[in-house]
Amino acid sequence: MYFSVIMPSAGHDLLHAEKKAAIESTAAVCGLAVRFPPASPYKSFDLDAALNELRNAGFVLADLTGERPSCYYELGLAEAMGKKVFLLAVKGTPIHQAASRRSTTFFTDMKEFRALIRAIFSEGQGMPIRSGTRSATG
């Protein structure tokens, strides 16, 4: 199974490289394949390819840190398809128009981020998350 990641590009998130590495290493430990957005935010967007990628993903992980419009656009595609989405953002990030905005989990540092993605990957594979690991307050 693979999952798709929606996240700000390196030019819009100072922790991009660290977050990407944490997602990759944790996914490998969990036996999951991961698909990231193109490295260049200026690469031409292919709607059919994006829809196909989302359609075939087991679930979607969306980092809404930085309030990037492109992240919300892709999230909207995933939500419209009825995909299981897991939203996260750095604490204090306003969460805008998203159908699943109340389920957003907030983190304050990379330690919390790593713990969150471990829990999300477990739930994404059908294993329940322990109580207290997800929060809709920021």
C-alpha atoms as a PDB file:
ATOM      1  CA  MET A   1       0.000   0.000   0.000  1.00  0.00           C
ATOM      2  CA  TYR A   2       1.159   3.521  -0.635  1.00  0.00           C
ATOM      3  CA  PHE A   3      -0.093   6.755   0.770  1.00  0.00           C
ATOM      4  CA  SER A   4       0.079  10.226  -0.679  1.00  0.00           C
ATOM      5  CA  VAL A   5       1.567  13.246   1.082  1.00  0.00           C
ATOM      6  CA  ILE A   6       0.391  16.813   0.670  1.00  0.00           C
ATOM      7  CA  MET A   7       2.837  19.296   2.174  1.00  0.00           C
ATOM      8  CA  PRO A   8       4.420  22.694   1.581  1.00  0.00           C
ATOM      9  CA  SER A   9       7.488  22.705  -0.657  1.00  0.00           C
ATOM     10  CA  ALA A  10      10.989  23.300   0.694  1.00  0.00           C
ATOM     11  CA  GLY A  11      10.779  26.983  -0.181  1.00  0.00           C
ATOM     12  CA  HIS A  12       7.741  27.417   2.062  1.00  0.00           C
ATOM     13  CA  ASP A  13       8.637  25.292   5.091  1.00  0.00           C
ATOM     14  CA  LEU A  14      11.946  25.483   6.948  1.00  0.00           C
ATOM     15  CA  LEU A  15      11.383  21.978   8.348  1.00  0.00           C
ATOM     16  CA  HIS A  16      10.522  20.447   4.965  1.00  0.00           C
ATOM     17  CA  ALA A  17      13.633  18.262   4.663  1.00  0.00           C
ATOM     18  CA  GLU A  18      13.393  17.060   8.264  1.00  0.00           C
ATOM     19  CA  LYS A  19       9.660  16.303   7.950  1.00  0.00           C
ATOM     20  CA  LYS A  20      10.154  14.482   4.638  1.00  0.00           C
ATOM     21  CA  ALA A  21      12.964  12.365   6.113  1.00  0.00           C
ATOM     22  CA  ALA A  22      10.824  11.523   9.165  1.00  0.00           C
ATOM     23  CA  ILE A  23       7.901  10.505   6.948  1.00  0.00           C
ATOM     24  CA  GLU A  24      10.127   8.368   4.699  1.00  0.00           C
ATOM     25  CA  SER A  25      11.890   6.566   7.541  1.00  0.00           C
ATOM     26  CA  THR A  26       8.717   5.951   9.548  1.00  0.00           C
ATOM     27  CA  ALA A  27       6.857   4.739   6.459  1.00  0.00           C
ATOM     28  CA  ALA A  28       9.683   2.286   5.716  1.00  0.00           C
ATOM     29  CA  VAL A  29       9.529   0.889   9.261  1.00  0.00           C
ATOM     30  CA  CYS A  30       5.745   0.480   8.893  1.00  0.00           C
ATOM     31  CA  GLY A  31       6.093  -1.213   5.500  1.00  0.00           C
ATOM     32  CA  LEU A  32       4.389   1.622   3.637  1.00  0.00           C
ATOM     33  CA  ALA A  33       5.345   3.212   0.347  1.00  0.00           C
ATOM     34  CA  VAL A  34       5.025   6.982   0.199  1.00  0.00           C
ATOM     35  CA  ARG A  35       4.396   9.385  -2.674  1.00  0.00           C
ATOM     36  CA  PHE A  36       5.446  13.022  -2.237  1.00  0.00           C
ATOM     37  CA  PRO A  37       4.501  16.022  -4.357  1.00  0.00           C
ATOM     38  CA  PRO A  38       6.997  17.085  -7.051  1.00  0.00           C
ATOM     39  CA  ALA A  39      10.194  18.623  -5.669  1.00  0.00           C
ATOM     40  CA  SER A  40       9.705  21.766  -7.722  1.00  0.00           C
ATOM     41  CA  PRO A  41       6.588  23.773  -6.930  1.00  0.00           C
ATOM     42  CA  TYR A  42       6.886  25.278 -10.433  1.00  0.00           C
ATOM     43  CA  LYS A  43       6.612  21.978 -12.292  1.00  0.00           C
ATOM     44  CA  SER A  44       3.512  22.031 -14.465  1.00  0.00           C
ATOM     45  CA  PHE A  45       0.494  20.627 -12.656  1.00  0.00           C
ATOM     46  CA  ASP A  46      -1.176  17.614 -14.236  1.00  0.00           C
ATOM     47  CA  LEU A  47      -4.696  17.278 -12.852  1.00  0.00           C
ATOM     48  CA  ASP A  48      -5.246  13.799 -14.282  1.00  0.00           C
ATOM     49  CA  ALA A  49      -1.991  12.543 -12.741  1.00  0.00           C
ATOM     50  CA  ALA A  50      -2.858  14.130  -9.376  1.00  0.00           C
ATOM     51  CA  LEU A  51      -6.329  12.571  -9.391  1.00  0.00           C
ATOM     52  CA  ASN A  52      -4.926   9.165 -10.320  1.00  0.00           C
ATOM     53  CA  GLU A  53      -2.298   9.401  -7.577  1.00  0.00           C
ATOM     54  CA  LEU A  54      -4.928  10.269  -4.966  1.00  0.00           C
ATOM     55  CA  ARG A  55      -7.429   7.707  -6.259  1.00  0.00           C
ATOM     56  CA  ASN A  56      -4.920   4.882  -5.820  1.00  0.00           C
ATOM     57  CA  ALA A  57      -3.560   5.987  -2.444  1.00  0.00           C
ATOM     58  CA  GLY A  58      -4.561   4.014   0.641  1.00  0.00           C
ATOM     59  CA  PHE A  59      -4.840   7.273   2.548  1.00  0.00           C
ATOM     60  CA  VAL A  60      -3.605  10.867   2.426  1.00  0.00           C
ATOM     61  CA  LEU A  61      -1.404  12.713   4.915  1.00  0.00           C
ATOM     62  CA  ALA A  62      -1.736  16.498   4.608  1.00  0.00           C
ATOM     63  CA  ASP A  63       0.512  18.970   6.417  1.00  0.00           C
ATOM     64  CA  LEU A  64      -1.314  22.305   6.383  1.00  0.00           C
ATOM     65  CA  THR A  65       1.509  24.217   8.080  1.00  0.00           C
ATOM     66  CA  GLY A  66       2.026  27.527   6.316  1.00  0.00           C
ATOM     67  CA  GLU A  67      -1.524  27.721   4.916  1.00  0.00           C
ATOM     68  CA  ARG A  68      -0.377  26.997   1.345  1.00  0.00           C
ATOM     69  CA  PRO A  69      -3.193  27.336  -1.241  1.00  0.00           C
ATOM     70  CA  SER A  70      -1.799  24.439  -3.291  1.00  0.00           C
ATOM     71  CA  CYS A  71      -2.030  22.151  -0.258  1.00  0.00           C
ATOM     72  CA  TYR A  72      -5.662  23.111   0.273  1.00  0.00           C
ATOM     73  CA  TYR A  73      -6.404  22.529  -3.413  1.00  0.00           C
ATOM     74  CA  GLU A  74      -4.975  19.007  -3.337  1.00  0.00           C
ATOM     75  CA  LEU A  75      -6.695  18.328  -0.010  1.00  0.00           C
ATOM     76  CA  GLY A  76      -9.996  19.385  -1.593  1.00  0.00           C
ATOM     77  CA  LEU A  77      -9.448  16.874  -4.397  1.00  0.00           C
ATOM     78  CA  ALA A  78      -8.770  14.090  -1.877  1.00  0.00           C
ATOM     79  CA  GLU A  79     -11.769  14.988   0.293  1.00  0.00           C
ATOM     80  CA  ALA A  80     -14.069  15.202  -2.749  1.00  0.00           C
ATOM     81  CA  MET A  81     -12.995  11.650  -3.646  1.00  0.00           C
ATOM     82  CA  GLY A  82     -13.872  10.489  -0.150  1.00  0.00           C
ATOM     83  CA  LYS A  83     -10.284   9.497   0.673  1.00  0.00           C
ATOM     84  CA  LYS A  84      -9.291   8.955   4.282  1.00  0.00           C
ATOM     85  CA  VAL A  85      -7.243  12.060   5.109  1.00  0.00           C
ATOM     86  CA  PHE A  86      -5.104  12.823   8.124  1.00  0.00           C
ATOM     87  CA  LEU A  87      -4.501  16.523   8.697  1.00  0.00           C
ATOM     88  CA  LEU A  88      -1.687  17.939  10.753  1.00  0.00           C
ATOM     89  CA  ALA A  89      -0.106  21.344  11.230  1.00  0.00           C
ATOM     90  CA  VAL A  90       2.241  23.158  13.533  1.00  0.00           C
ATOM     91  CA  LYS A  91       0.391  24.495  16.580  1.00  0.00           C
ATOM     92  CA  GLY A  92      -1.105  27.911  15.930  1.00  0.00           C
ATOM     93  CA  THR A  93      -1.714  27.332  12.204  1.00  0.00           C
ATOM     94  CA  PRO A  94      -5.183  28.543  11.213  1.00  0.00           C
ATOM     95  CA  ILE A  95      -7.061  25.758   9.426  1.00  0.00           C
ATOM     96  CA  HIS A  96      -9.260  27.050   6.637  1.00  0.00           C
ATOM     97  CA  GLN A  97     -11.857  25.428   4.398  1.00  0.00           C
ATOM     98  CA  ALA A  98     -11.426  21.696   4.747  1.00  0.00           C
ATOM     99  CA  ALA A  99     -14.205  19.189   5.288  1.00  0.00           C
ATOM    100  CA  SER A 100     -12.144  17.382   7.922  1.00  0.00           C
ATOM    101  CA  ARG A 101     -10.693  20.467   9.613  1.00  0.00           C
ATOM    102  CA  ARG A 102     -11.976  19.464  13.061  1.00  0.00           C
ATOM    103  CA  SER A 103      -9.793  16.351  12.972  1.00  0.00           C
ATOM    104  CA  THR A 104      -6.564  18.298  12.458  1.00  0.00           C
ATOM    105  CA  THR A 105      -3.790  17.280  14.818  1.00  0.00           C
ATOM    106  CA  PHE A 106      -1.313  19.931  15.890  1.00  0.00           C
ATOM    107  CA  PHE A 107       2.337  19.492  16.845  1.00  0.00           C
ATOM    108  CA  THR A 108       4.877  21.807  18.445  1.00  0.00           C
ATOM    109  CA  ASP A 109       8.180  20.189  17.481  1.00  0.00           C
ATOM    110  CA  MET A 110       9.715  17.388  15.436  1.00  0.00           C
ATOM    111  CA  LYS A 111       9.491  14.941  18.326  1.00  0.00           C
ATOM    112  CA  GLU A 112       5.706  15.381  18.385  1.00  0.00           C
ATOM    113  CA  PHE A 113       5.616  15.277  14.570  1.00  0.00           C
ATOM    114  CA  ARG A 114       7.363  11.886  14.515  1.00  0.00           C
ATOM    115  CA  ALA A 115       5.020  10.484  17.184  1.00  0.00           C
ATOM    116  CA  LEU A 116       2.013  11.778  15.255  1.00  0.00           C
ATOM    117  CA  ILE A 117       2.993  10.221  11.969  1.00  0.00           C
ATOM    118  CA  ARG A 118       3.663   6.875  13.665  1.00  0.00           C
ATOM    119  CA  ALA A 119       0.124   6.963  15.084  1.00  0.00           C
ATOM    120  CA  ILE A 120      -1.338   8.120  11.756  1.00  0.00           C
ATOM    121  CA  PHE A 121       0.410   5.332   9.852  1.00  0.00           C
ATOM    122  CA  SER A 122      -0.986   2.779  12.296  1.00  0.00           C
ATOM    123  CA  GLU A 123      -4.505   4.112  11.820  1.00  0.00           C
ATOM    124  CA  GLY A 124      -3.980   4.376   8.061  1.00  0.00           C
ATOM    125  CA  GLN A 125      -3.201   0.651   8.038  1.00  0.00           C
ATOM    126  CA  GLY A 126      -6.374  -0.089   9.993  1.00  0.00           C
ATOM    127  CA  MET A 127      -4.919  -0.228  13.512  1.00  0.00           C
ATOM    128  CA  PRO A 128      -6.607   1.988  16.110  1.00  0.00           C
ATOM    129  CA  ILE A 129      -4.784   4.998  17.497  1.00  0.00           C
ATOM    130  CA  ARG A 130      -4.296   5.049  21.263  1.00  0.00           C
ATOM    131  CA  SER A 131      -6.398   7.581  23.071  1.00  0.00           C
ATOM    132  CA  GLY A 132      -4.698  10.925  23.583  1.00  0.00           C
ATOM    133  CA  THR A 133      -2.428  10.866  20.537  1.00  0.00           C
ATOM    134  CA  ARG A 134      -4.671  13.027  18.330  1.00  0.00           C
ATOM    135  CA  SER A 135      -6.077  16.429  19.149  1.00  0.00           C
ATOM    136  CA  ALA A 136      -8.274  18.848  17.243  1.00  0.00           C
ATOM    137  CA  THR A 137      -7.124  21.858  19.210  1.00  0.00           C
ATOM    138  CA  GLY A 138      -4.336  24.143  18.162  1.00  0.00           C
END
